[in-house]
Every structure is written in C-alpha cells, then in structure tokens.
Amino acid sequence: MLQLASGCSPRAVEVPPAGPPSKAAIQSSLSPTDQQAVDQAWSAYQRLNAIYLKAAQSGVYEWNADKTKRPLYPYAAGTYMSALERDLDIMREQGFVRKGSPQVTLRRVVSVSPTSIVVEVCVDDSGTDTVSRKTGKSVVKAGQNQRYPVTMRAGLYPDAKWRWVESQAERAASC
C-alpha cells in the first residue's frame, strides 16, 4: 500500500495504521541505542498513519500554505510527504474516500545508522476499500494483491525528529 513517491490512483499511496512493533519483529541484535531509534521512528510512523487514514476516510486535510504547519509534516518529508498529500488531494478532487483500516506488521529492521532507518513491513489491505462518496461503489481495480511487503526508510532531521521519506511497495510479492 505504501509506494515510493508516486500517488496518482486511489491505491497508489496507502498508509495504513500500524500497531506497536513487536519484539519478535525487530532484530534481537539491535543495540539499545538503535532499538530506541527504531522505536521513535516507528512511533512517528504510527502517528503519520493515523493522520493520513483519518484524512483519507473523511476527505478532510488541513491544507496550510506553510507546509510546516500541515498535519503530516512532523512525520513525513520530501517526495514521500508530497506523494501522500497528492494522494489525499486526488481523492478529494475525485470524490473518493477510504473505508476500513488496513493492517501493517513490522517484519524486520533492515538497517540502522545514526541518520537513517530502513524497515520491511507487511501490508494487509484486504479489509479496506476506496469508494466514490456519491455512489458508495468501489473504485479499486479488481485483482490487486492485498498482502505485500513494503520497504520504508526514515531519516533523522536536524530538529531531532524521525520523518518517513521513502516507501517502496513490492506488489508482485506476498507476505
């Protein structure tokens, strides 16, 4: 559901809510410092998802001319934030809203450095749909893979906050 900086269709950029990382999902070899960084970044991801999902379900997002005052700004950056906001704007323009709550599971931590974290998650959007607000009918192309891995990257910004900056869905794979 999450894709690298592209979002021109109702399912192109999807950010489902995520639960807290389970200890089983996180590499046991992480140092306490790295584990703390992963926990902070994952917490930011959860807030990002909650904001995005609420906007996608309601069709309402606070478009401030100053991007630093937009709801997603503390949790996303760069082309990824642009893709998420573009997806919300396209949905609004076309009269689409999301139904249901997708599930995301943190599968593993790929890498941790002082300024970057890469994780792999499994997205399950089988309980979701994108529908026309007017008709209530689905606008999603049939036959899409609804359980697939996504590789995501967070960056540490000068304000000491982790922001999600990249997401690459592997729709041809399953998890």
N, C-alpha and C. Protein backbone atom coordinates (compact mmCIF):
# COMPACT_ATOMS: atom_id res chain seq x y z
N MET A 1 0.79 -1.19 0.00
CA MET A 1 0.00 0.00 0.00
C MET A 1 0.84 1.26 0.00
N LEU A 2 2.01 1.20 0.48
CA LEU A 2 2.87 2.36 0.54
C LEU A 2 3.81 2.28 -0.64
N GLN A 3 3.90 3.35 -1.41
CA GLN A 3 4.77 3.31 -2.56
C GLN A 3 5.71 4.49 -2.56
N LEU A 4 6.81 4.29 -3.23
CA LEU A 4 7.82 5.32 -3.32
C LEU A 4 7.29 6.49 -4.12
N ALA A 5 7.04 7.57 -3.46
CA ALA A 5 6.78 8.86 -4.05
C ALA A 5 5.95 8.86 -5.32
N SER A 6 4.94 8.07 -5.39
CA SER A 6 4.01 8.17 -6.51
C SER A 6 2.62 7.94 -5.98
N GLY A 7 1.68 8.70 -6.46
CA GLY A 7 0.34 8.54 -5.93
C GLY A 7 -0.70 9.13 -6.83
N CYS A 8 -1.01 8.47 -7.91
CA CYS A 8 -1.99 9.01 -8.83
C CYS A 8 -3.26 8.19 -8.89
N SER A 9 -3.34 7.12 -8.16
CA SER A 9 -4.55 6.32 -8.16
C SER A 9 -5.03 6.15 -6.74
N PRO A 10 -6.29 5.75 -6.56
CA PRO A 10 -6.81 5.59 -5.21
C PRO A 10 -5.99 4.65 -4.34
N ARG A 11 -5.24 3.74 -4.90
CA ARG A 11 -4.45 2.80 -4.12
C ARG A 11 -2.95 3.03 -4.28
N ALA A 12 -2.53 4.09 -4.95
CA ALA A 12 -1.12 4.27 -5.23
C ALA A 12 -0.31 4.54 -3.98
N VAL A 13 -0.81 5.32 -3.07
CA VAL A 13 -0.11 5.61 -1.83
C VAL A 13 -1.06 5.36 -0.70
N GLU A 14 -0.83 4.32 0.03
CA GLU A 14 -1.72 3.99 1.13
C GLU A 14 -0.90 3.87 2.39
N VAL A 15 -1.35 4.46 3.44
CA VAL A 15 -0.62 4.42 4.69
C VAL A 15 -1.55 3.92 5.77
N PRO A 16 -1.55 2.64 6.00
CA PRO A 16 -2.46 2.08 6.98
C PRO A 16 -1.97 2.29 8.40
N PRO A 17 -2.87 2.22 9.37
CA PRO A 17 -2.45 2.35 10.75
C PRO A 17 -1.61 1.14 11.15
N ALA A 18 -0.71 1.34 12.06
CA ALA A 18 0.18 0.26 12.47
C ALA A 18 0.20 0.15 13.97
N GLY A 19 0.28 -1.05 14.45
CA GLY A 19 0.40 -1.28 15.88
C GLY A 19 1.84 -1.10 16.31
N PRO A 20 2.10 -1.19 17.60
CA PRO A 20 3.46 -1.04 18.08
C PRO A 20 4.33 -2.19 17.58
N PRO A 21 5.62 -1.92 17.39
CA PRO A 21 6.47 -3.00 16.90
C PRO A 21 6.56 -4.11 17.93
N SER A 22 6.46 -5.33 17.47
CA SER A 22 6.60 -6.45 18.39
C SER A 22 8.08 -6.77 18.50
N LYS A 23 8.51 -7.22 19.65
CA LYS A 23 9.92 -7.54 19.85
C LYS A 23 10.36 -8.65 18.88
N ALA A 24 9.44 -9.54 18.52
CA ALA A 24 9.78 -10.61 17.58
C ALA A 24 10.08 -10.06 16.20
N ALA A 25 9.46 -8.94 15.85
CA ALA A 25 9.63 -8.38 14.53
C ALA A 25 10.93 -7.60 14.39
N ILE A 26 11.50 -7.20 15.50
CA ILE A 26 12.69 -6.37 15.48
C ILE A 26 13.90 -7.24 15.76
N GLN A 27 14.97 -7.00 15.02
CA GLN A 27 16.18 -7.79 15.19
C GLN A 27 16.62 -7.78 16.65
N SER A 28 16.89 -8.95 17.19
CA SER A 28 17.33 -9.03 18.57
C SER A 28 18.76 -8.52 18.73
N SER A 29 19.47 -8.34 17.62
CA SER A 29 20.86 -7.89 17.69
C SER A 29 21.00 -6.37 17.74
N LEU A 30 19.91 -5.64 17.79
CA LEU A 30 20.00 -4.19 17.85
C LEU A 30 20.56 -3.74 19.20
N SER A 31 21.40 -2.75 19.14
CA SER A 31 21.91 -2.16 20.38
C SER A 31 20.77 -1.38 21.04
N PRO A 32 20.86 -1.10 22.32
CA PRO A 32 19.82 -0.30 22.97
C PRO A 32 19.60 1.06 22.29
N THR A 33 20.67 1.68 21.82
CA THR A 33 20.56 2.97 21.13
C THR A 33 19.80 2.81 19.82
N ASP A 34 20.15 1.78 19.05
CA ASP A 34 19.46 1.53 17.78
C ASP A 34 18.00 1.16 18.03
N GLN A 35 17.75 0.36 19.05
CA GLN A 35 16.37 -0.03 19.37
C GLN A 35 15.54 1.20 19.72
N GLN A 36 16.12 2.12 20.48
CA GLN A 36 15.42 3.36 20.83
C GLN A 36 15.12 4.18 19.58
N ALA A 37 16.06 4.26 18.65
CA ALA A 37 15.84 4.99 17.41
C ALA A 37 14.72 4.35 16.60
N VAL A 38 14.73 3.02 16.49
CA VAL A 38 13.66 2.32 15.76
C VAL A 38 12.31 2.57 16.43
N ASP A 39 12.26 2.50 17.75
CA ASP A 39 11.01 2.75 18.46
C ASP A 39 10.50 4.17 18.21
N GLN A 40 11.40 5.15 18.21
CA GLN A 40 10.99 6.54 17.95
C GLN A 40 10.48 6.70 16.52
N ALA A 41 11.19 6.12 15.57
CA ALA A 41 10.77 6.22 14.17
C ALA A 41 9.43 5.52 13.96
N TRP A 42 9.26 4.33 14.55
CA TRP A 42 8.01 3.59 14.39
C TRP A 42 6.85 4.34 15.03
N SER A 43 7.09 4.99 16.13
CA SER A 43 6.06 5.81 16.77
C SER A 43 5.64 6.95 15.84
N ALA A 44 6.60 7.57 15.17
CA ALA A 44 6.29 8.63 14.20
C ALA A 44 5.47 8.05 13.05
N TYR A 45 5.80 6.84 12.63
CA TYR A 45 5.05 6.17 11.56
C TYR A 45 3.60 5.94 11.97
N GLN A 46 3.39 5.53 13.20
CA GLN A 46 2.03 5.30 13.68
C GLN A 46 1.22 6.60 13.68
N ARG A 47 1.82 7.69 14.09
CA ARG A 47 1.12 8.97 14.08
C ARG A 47 0.84 9.41 12.64
N LEU A 48 1.82 9.23 11.77
CA LEU A 48 1.64 9.54 10.35
C LEU A 48 0.46 8.77 9.78
N ASN A 49 0.41 7.49 10.05
CA ASN A 49 -0.67 6.64 9.54
C ASN A 49 -2.02 7.07 10.06
N ALA A 50 -2.09 7.41 11.33
CA ALA A 50 -3.37 7.83 11.92
C ALA A 50 -3.87 9.10 11.25
N ILE A 51 -2.98 10.06 11.02
CA ILE A 51 -3.37 11.32 10.38
C ILE A 51 -3.81 11.06 8.94
N TYR A 52 -3.02 10.29 8.21
CA TYR A 52 -3.34 10.00 6.82
C TYR A 52 -4.67 9.26 6.70
N LEU A 53 -4.85 8.23 7.51
CA LEU A 53 -6.07 7.43 7.43
C LEU A 53 -7.30 8.27 7.76
N LYS A 54 -7.21 9.10 8.78
CA LYS A 54 -8.34 9.97 9.14
C LYS A 54 -8.69 10.89 7.96
N ALA A 55 -7.67 11.47 7.33
CA ALA A 55 -7.91 12.35 6.19
C ALA A 55 -8.49 11.58 5.01
N ALA A 56 -7.99 10.37 4.75
CA ALA A 56 -8.48 9.56 3.63
C ALA A 56 -9.91 9.09 3.86
N GLN A 57 -10.26 8.82 5.12
CA GLN A 57 -11.61 8.36 5.42
C GLN A 57 -12.62 9.50 5.46
N SER A 58 -12.18 10.67 5.84
CA SER A 58 -13.10 11.81 5.97
C SER A 58 -13.10 12.71 4.74
N GLY A 59 -12.03 12.67 3.97
CA GLY A 59 -11.90 13.58 2.84
C GLY A 59 -11.47 14.97 3.26
N VAL A 60 -11.02 15.12 4.51
CA VAL A 60 -10.64 16.43 5.04
C VAL A 60 -9.18 16.41 5.47
N TYR A 61 -8.40 17.36 4.96
CA TYR A 61 -7.00 17.52 5.33
C TYR A 61 -6.72 19.01 5.44
N GLU A 62 -5.96 19.41 6.43
CA GLU A 62 -5.67 20.83 6.65
C GLU A 62 -4.56 21.29 5.71
N TRP A 63 -4.97 21.91 4.60
CA TRP A 63 -4.01 22.40 3.62
C TRP A 63 -3.57 23.79 4.02
N ASN A 64 -2.42 23.91 4.65
CA ASN A 64 -1.87 25.19 5.04
C ASN A 64 -0.82 25.59 4.01
N ALA A 65 -0.79 26.86 3.63
CA ALA A 65 0.21 27.32 2.66
C ALA A 65 1.63 27.08 3.17
N ASP A 66 1.80 27.13 4.48
CA ASP A 66 3.09 26.82 5.11
C ASP A 66 3.12 25.33 5.38
N LYS A 67 3.89 24.58 4.60
CA LYS A 67 3.88 23.12 4.72
C LYS A 67 4.30 22.65 6.11
N THR A 68 5.07 23.45 6.83
CA THR A 68 5.50 23.05 8.18
C THR A 68 4.34 23.05 9.17
N LYS A 69 3.22 23.62 8.77
CA LYS A 69 2.04 23.64 9.65
C LYS A 69 1.00 22.60 9.24
N ARG A 70 1.32 21.79 8.24
CA ARG A 70 0.40 20.74 7.81
C ARG A 70 0.51 19.54 8.75
N PRO A 71 -0.57 18.79 8.92
CA PRO A 71 -0.58 17.68 9.88
C PRO A 71 0.47 16.60 9.64
N LEU A 72 0.82 16.30 8.40
CA LEU A 72 1.79 15.24 8.12
C LEU A 72 3.24 15.67 8.32
N TYR A 73 3.49 16.98 8.34
CA TYR A 73 4.86 17.49 8.35
C TYR A 73 5.76 16.93 9.45
N PRO A 74 5.30 16.79 10.68
CA PRO A 74 6.20 16.28 11.71
C PRO A 74 6.63 14.82 11.51
N TYR A 75 5.98 14.11 10.59
CA TYR A 75 6.19 12.66 10.47
C TYR A 75 6.64 12.19 9.09
N ALA A 76 6.55 13.04 8.08
CA ALA A 76 6.94 12.67 6.72
C ALA A 76 7.68 13.85 6.10
N ALA A 77 8.47 13.56 5.07
CA ALA A 77 9.24 14.63 4.43
C ALA A 77 9.49 14.31 2.97
N GLY A 78 9.93 15.33 2.26
CA GLY A 78 10.36 15.17 0.89
C GLY A 78 9.30 14.66 -0.06
N THR A 79 9.75 13.85 -1.01
CA THR A 79 8.84 13.35 -2.03
C THR A 79 7.79 12.40 -1.45
N TYR A 80 8.11 11.74 -0.33
CA TYR A 80 7.12 10.85 0.28
C TYR A 80 5.95 11.66 0.84
N MET A 81 6.25 12.76 1.54
CA MET A 81 5.18 13.61 2.03
C MET A 81 4.37 14.17 0.86
N SER A 82 5.07 14.59 -0.18
CA SER A 82 4.38 15.11 -1.37
C SER A 82 3.45 14.07 -1.97
N ALA A 83 3.91 12.82 -2.04
CA ALA A 83 3.08 11.75 -2.61
C ALA A 83 1.85 11.49 -1.76
N LEU A 84 2.02 11.48 -0.45
CA LEU A 84 0.87 11.27 0.45
C LEU A 84 -0.15 12.39 0.29
N GLU A 85 0.33 13.62 0.27
CA GLU A 85 -0.59 14.76 0.13
C GLU A 85 -1.22 14.78 -1.26
N ARG A 86 -0.46 14.41 -2.27
CA ARG A 86 -1.03 14.34 -3.63
C ARG A 86 -2.15 13.30 -3.68
N ASP A 87 -1.94 12.16 -3.04
CA ASP A 87 -2.96 11.13 -2.99
C ASP A 87 -4.23 11.65 -2.32
N LEU A 88 -4.07 12.34 -1.19
CA LEU A 88 -5.24 12.90 -0.50
C LEU A 88 -5.95 13.93 -1.37
N ASP A 89 -5.18 14.75 -2.08
CA ASP A 89 -5.78 15.77 -2.94
C ASP A 89 -6.52 15.14 -4.11
N ILE A 90 -5.95 14.12 -4.72
CA ILE A 90 -6.62 13.43 -5.84
C ILE A 90 -7.91 12.78 -5.35
N MET A 91 -7.85 12.15 -4.20
CA MET A 91 -9.06 11.52 -3.65
C MET A 91 -10.14 12.57 -3.41
N ARG A 92 -9.75 13.72 -2.86
CA ARG A 92 -10.72 14.79 -2.61
C ARG A 92 -11.33 15.28 -3.92
N GLU A 93 -10.46 15.56 -4.90
CA GLU A 93 -10.93 16.06 -6.20
C GLU A 93 -11.88 15.08 -6.88
N GLN A 94 -11.61 13.79 -6.75
CA GLN A 94 -12.42 12.78 -7.44
C GLN A 94 -13.60 12.29 -6.60
N GLY A 95 -13.70 12.79 -5.37
CA GLY A 95 -14.82 12.40 -4.52
C GLY A 95 -14.70 11.00 -3.95
N PHE A 96 -13.47 10.56 -3.69
CA PHE A 96 -13.23 9.23 -3.13
C PHE A 96 -12.90 9.31 -1.65
N VAL A 97 -13.29 8.29 -0.91
CA VAL A 97 -12.90 8.14 0.49
C VAL A 97 -12.51 6.69 0.73
N ARG A 98 -11.73 6.49 1.77
CA ARG A 98 -11.32 5.14 2.14
C ARG A 98 -12.26 4.58 3.18
N LYS A 99 -12.46 3.30 3.11
CA LYS A 99 -13.26 2.57 4.11
C LYS A 99 -12.38 1.49 4.70
N GLY A 100 -12.56 1.23 5.98
CA GLY A 100 -11.80 0.18 6.65
C GLY A 100 -10.45 0.65 7.14
N SER A 101 -9.80 -0.24 7.87
CA SER A 101 -8.48 0.06 8.44
C SER A 101 -7.49 -1.02 8.06
N PRO A 102 -6.58 -0.71 7.17
CA PRO A 102 -5.56 -1.68 6.79
C PRO A 102 -4.67 -2.04 7.98
N GLN A 103 -3.98 -3.14 7.87
CA GLN A 103 -3.07 -3.58 8.93
C GLN A 103 -1.64 -3.58 8.40
N VAL A 104 -0.73 -3.13 9.24
CA VAL A 104 0.69 -3.15 8.91
C VAL A 104 1.41 -3.87 10.03
N THR A 105 2.30 -4.78 9.65
CA THR A 105 3.11 -5.50 10.62
C THR A 105 4.58 -5.22 10.34
N LEU A 106 5.29 -4.78 11.35
CA LEU A 106 6.72 -4.57 11.22
C LEU A 106 7.39 -5.94 11.18
N ARG A 107 7.96 -6.30 10.03
CA ARG A 107 8.57 -7.63 9.88
C ARG A 107 10.01 -7.67 10.32
N ARG A 108 10.78 -6.68 9.91
CA ARG A 108 12.19 -6.69 10.31
C ARG A 108 12.81 -5.31 10.11
N VAL A 109 13.86 -5.09 10.87
CA VAL A 109 14.68 -3.89 10.70
C VAL A 109 15.80 -4.28 9.75
N VAL A 110 15.88 -3.59 8.63
CA VAL A 110 16.89 -3.89 7.62
C VAL A 110 18.22 -3.26 8.00
N SER A 111 18.17 -1.98 8.39
CA SER A 111 19.41 -1.30 8.78
C SER A 111 19.10 -0.11 9.66
N VAL A 112 20.10 0.24 10.48
CA VAL A 112 20.01 1.41 11.35
C VAL A 112 21.36 2.12 11.29
N SER A 113 21.32 3.42 11.04
CA SER A 113 22.53 4.24 11.13
C SER A 113 22.14 5.47 11.96
N PRO A 114 23.07 6.32 12.28
CA PRO A 114 22.70 7.49 13.09
C PRO A 114 21.66 8.40 12.44
N THR A 115 21.53 8.36 11.11
CA THR A 115 20.60 9.27 10.44
C THR A 115 19.56 8.58 9.56
N SER A 116 19.54 7.25 9.53
CA SER A 116 18.62 6.55 8.63
C SER A 116 18.22 5.19 9.21
N ILE A 117 16.96 4.86 9.04
CA ILE A 117 16.44 3.55 9.44
C ILE A 117 15.67 2.97 8.26
N VAL A 118 15.94 1.72 7.93
CA VAL A 118 15.21 1.03 6.88
C VAL A 118 14.53 -0.18 7.51
N VAL A 119 13.23 -0.30 7.25
CA VAL A 119 12.46 -1.42 7.78
C VAL A 119 11.67 -2.08 6.66
N GLU A 120 11.28 -3.32 6.89
CA GLU A 120 10.36 -4.01 5.99
C GLU A 120 9.09 -4.29 6.77
N VAL A 121 7.97 -3.94 6.17
CA VAL A 121 6.67 -4.18 6.78
C VAL A 121 5.84 -5.04 5.85
N CYS A 122 4.81 -5.66 6.41
CA CYS A 122 3.84 -6.38 5.61
C CYS A 122 2.53 -5.61 5.69
N VAL A 123 1.98 -5.28 4.55
CA VAL A 123 0.73 -4.54 4.47
C VAL A 123 -0.39 -5.49 4.09
N ASP A 124 -1.47 -5.44 4.84
CA ASP A 124 -2.67 -6.22 4.54
C ASP A 124 -3.83 -5.25 4.42
N ASP A 125 -4.25 -4.99 3.20
CA ASP A 125 -5.36 -4.07 2.99
C ASP A 125 -6.62 -4.79 2.52
N SER A 126 -6.73 -6.07 2.89
CA SER A 126 -7.89 -6.86 2.48
C SER A 126 -9.18 -6.36 3.13
N GLY A 127 -9.08 -5.64 4.22
CA GLY A 127 -10.27 -5.12 4.89
C GLY A 127 -10.57 -3.68 4.55
N THR A 128 -10.01 -3.19 3.44
CA THR A 128 -10.21 -1.79 3.06
C THR A 128 -10.77 -1.67 1.66
N ASP A 129 -11.24 -0.49 1.35
CA ASP A 129 -11.72 -0.19 0.01
C ASP A 129 -11.67 1.32 -0.18
N THR A 130 -11.56 1.74 -1.41
CA THR A 130 -11.68 3.15 -1.78
C THR A 130 -12.97 3.25 -2.58
N VAL A 131 -13.86 4.12 -2.13
CA VAL A 131 -15.19 4.19 -2.73
C VAL A 131 -15.51 5.61 -3.16
N SER A 132 -16.46 5.71 -4.10
CA SER A 132 -16.99 7.00 -4.51
C SER A 132 -17.89 7.51 -3.39
N ARG A 133 -17.67 8.73 -2.99
CA ARG A 133 -18.50 9.33 -1.94
C ARG A 133 -19.97 9.42 -2.39
N LYS A 134 -20.18 9.68 -3.68
CA LYS A 134 -21.55 9.83 -4.20
C LYS A 134 -22.30 8.51 -4.28
N THR A 135 -21.63 7.48 -4.81
CA THR A 135 -22.33 6.22 -5.08
C THR A 135 -22.07 5.15 -4.03
N GLY A 136 -20.98 5.29 -3.30
CA GLY A 136 -20.59 4.26 -2.33
C GLY A 136 -19.98 3.03 -2.98
N LYS A 137 -19.78 3.08 -4.29
CA LYS A 137 -19.22 1.93 -5.02
C LYS A 137 -17.70 1.99 -5.04
N SER A 138 -17.10 0.81 -5.03
CA SER A 138 -15.65 0.70 -5.07
C SER A 138 -15.09 1.27 -6.37
N VAL A 139 -13.94 1.93 -6.25
CA VAL A 139 -13.23 2.44 -7.42
C VAL A 139 -11.88 1.74 -7.59
N VAL A 140 -11.67 0.68 -6.83
CA VAL A 140 -10.40 -0.05 -6.85
C VAL A 140 -10.41 -1.08 -7.96
N LYS A 141 -9.31 -1.14 -8.68
CA LYS A 141 -9.16 -2.13 -9.74
C LYS A 141 -9.16 -3.53 -9.12
N ALA A 142 -9.98 -4.41 -9.64
CA ALA A 142 -10.08 -5.78 -9.13
C ALA A 142 -8.77 -6.54 -9.36
N GLY A 143 -8.50 -7.48 -8.49
CA GLY A 143 -7.36 -8.37 -8.67
C GLY A 143 -6.05 -7.87 -8.10
N GLN A 144 -6.05 -6.75 -7.40
CA GLN A 144 -4.80 -6.26 -6.81
C GLN A 144 -4.37 -7.14 -5.64
N ASN A 145 -3.08 -7.35 -5.52
CA ASN A 145 -2.52 -8.07 -4.38
C ASN A 145 -2.80 -7.25 -3.12
N GLN A 146 -3.40 -7.86 -2.13
CA GLN A 146 -3.78 -7.11 -0.93
C GLN A 146 -2.90 -7.41 0.28
N ARG A 147 -1.92 -8.28 0.12
CA ARG A 147 -0.92 -8.56 1.18
C ARG A 147 0.45 -8.56 0.52
N TYR A 148 1.25 -7.56 0.85
CA TYR A 148 2.53 -7.43 0.18
C TYR A 148 3.55 -6.71 1.06
N PRO A 149 4.84 -6.97 0.82
CA PRO A 149 5.88 -6.31 1.59
C PRO A 149 6.15 -4.89 1.09
N VAL A 150 6.57 -4.06 2.02
CA VAL A 150 6.93 -2.68 1.71
C VAL A 150 8.22 -2.36 2.45
N THR A 151 9.18 -1.81 1.74
CA THR A 151 10.42 -1.35 2.36
C THR A 151 10.31 0.15 2.56
N MET A 152 10.59 0.59 3.79
CA MET A 152 10.43 2.01 4.13
C MET A 152 11.72 2.55 4.74
N ARG A 153 11.94 3.84 4.53
CA ARG A 153 13.11 4.49 5.11
C ARG A 153 12.71 5.76 5.84
N ALA A 154 13.24 5.91 7.04
CA ALA A 154 13.06 7.13 7.83
C ALA A 154 14.41 7.83 7.94
N GLY A 155 14.37 9.16 7.95
CA GLY A 155 15.58 9.94 8.12
C GLY A 155 15.49 10.78 9.38
N LEU A 156 16.61 10.98 10.02
CA LEU A 156 16.67 11.84 11.20
C LEU A 156 16.95 13.26 10.75
N TYR A 157 16.06 14.18 11.10
CA TYR A 157 16.16 15.56 10.65
C TYR A 157 16.86 16.43 11.70
N PRO A 158 17.32 17.63 11.31
CA PRO A 158 18.05 18.50 12.23
C PRO A 158 17.29 18.85 13.52
N ASP A 159 15.96 18.75 13.48
CA ASP A 159 15.17 19.02 14.69
C ASP A 159 15.09 17.78 15.59
N ALA A 160 15.89 16.76 15.29
CA ALA A 160 15.97 15.51 16.06
C ALA A 160 14.72 14.65 15.96
N LYS A 161 13.94 14.83 14.89
CA LYS A 161 12.74 14.02 14.66
C LYS A 161 12.96 13.08 13.49
N TRP A 162 12.45 11.86 13.64
CA TRP A 162 12.47 10.89 12.56
C TRP A 162 11.28 11.18 11.66
N ARG A 163 11.55 11.32 10.36
CA ARG A 163 10.49 11.51 9.37
C ARG A 163 10.63 10.42 8.31
N TRP A 164 9.48 9.90 7.88
CA TRP A 164 9.47 8.87 6.85
C TRP A 164 9.63 9.55 5.50
N VAL A 165 10.61 9.09 4.73
CA VAL A 165 10.98 9.78 3.50
C VAL A 165 10.87 8.92 2.24
N GLU A 166 10.73 7.62 2.42
CA GLU A 166 10.70 6.74 1.25
C GLU A 166 9.93 5.47 1.58
N SER A 167 9.22 4.98 0.58
CA SER A 167 8.44 3.76 0.75
C SER A 167 8.31 3.08 -0.60
N GLN A 168 8.69 1.81 -0.66
CA GLN A 168 8.63 1.06 -1.92
C GLN A 168 7.84 -0.22 -1.72
N ALA A 169 6.65 -0.27 -2.30
CA ALA A 169 5.80 -1.46 -2.23
C ALA A 169 6.25 -2.47 -3.28
N GLU A 170 6.20 -3.73 -2.91
CA GLU A 170 6.51 -4.82 -3.84
C GLU A 170 5.21 -5.59 -4.09
N ARG A 171 4.34 -5.01 -4.91
CA ARG A 171 3.01 -5.56 -5.17
C ARG A 171 3.03 -6.95 -5.80
N ALA A 172 4.12 -7.31 -6.45
CA ALA A 172 4.19 -8.64 -7.08
C ALA A 172 4.49 -9.74 -6.07
N ALA A 173 4.96 -9.35 -4.89
CA ALA A 173 5.30 -10.32 -3.84
C ALA A 173 4.18 -10.39 -2.81
N SER A 174 4.22 -11.43 -1.98
CA SER A 174 3.25 -11.58 -0.90
C SER A 174 3.99 -11.73 0.41
N CYS A 175 3.28 -11.45 1.50
CA CYS A 175 3.87 -11.65 2.82
C CYS A 175 2.80 -12.17 3.78
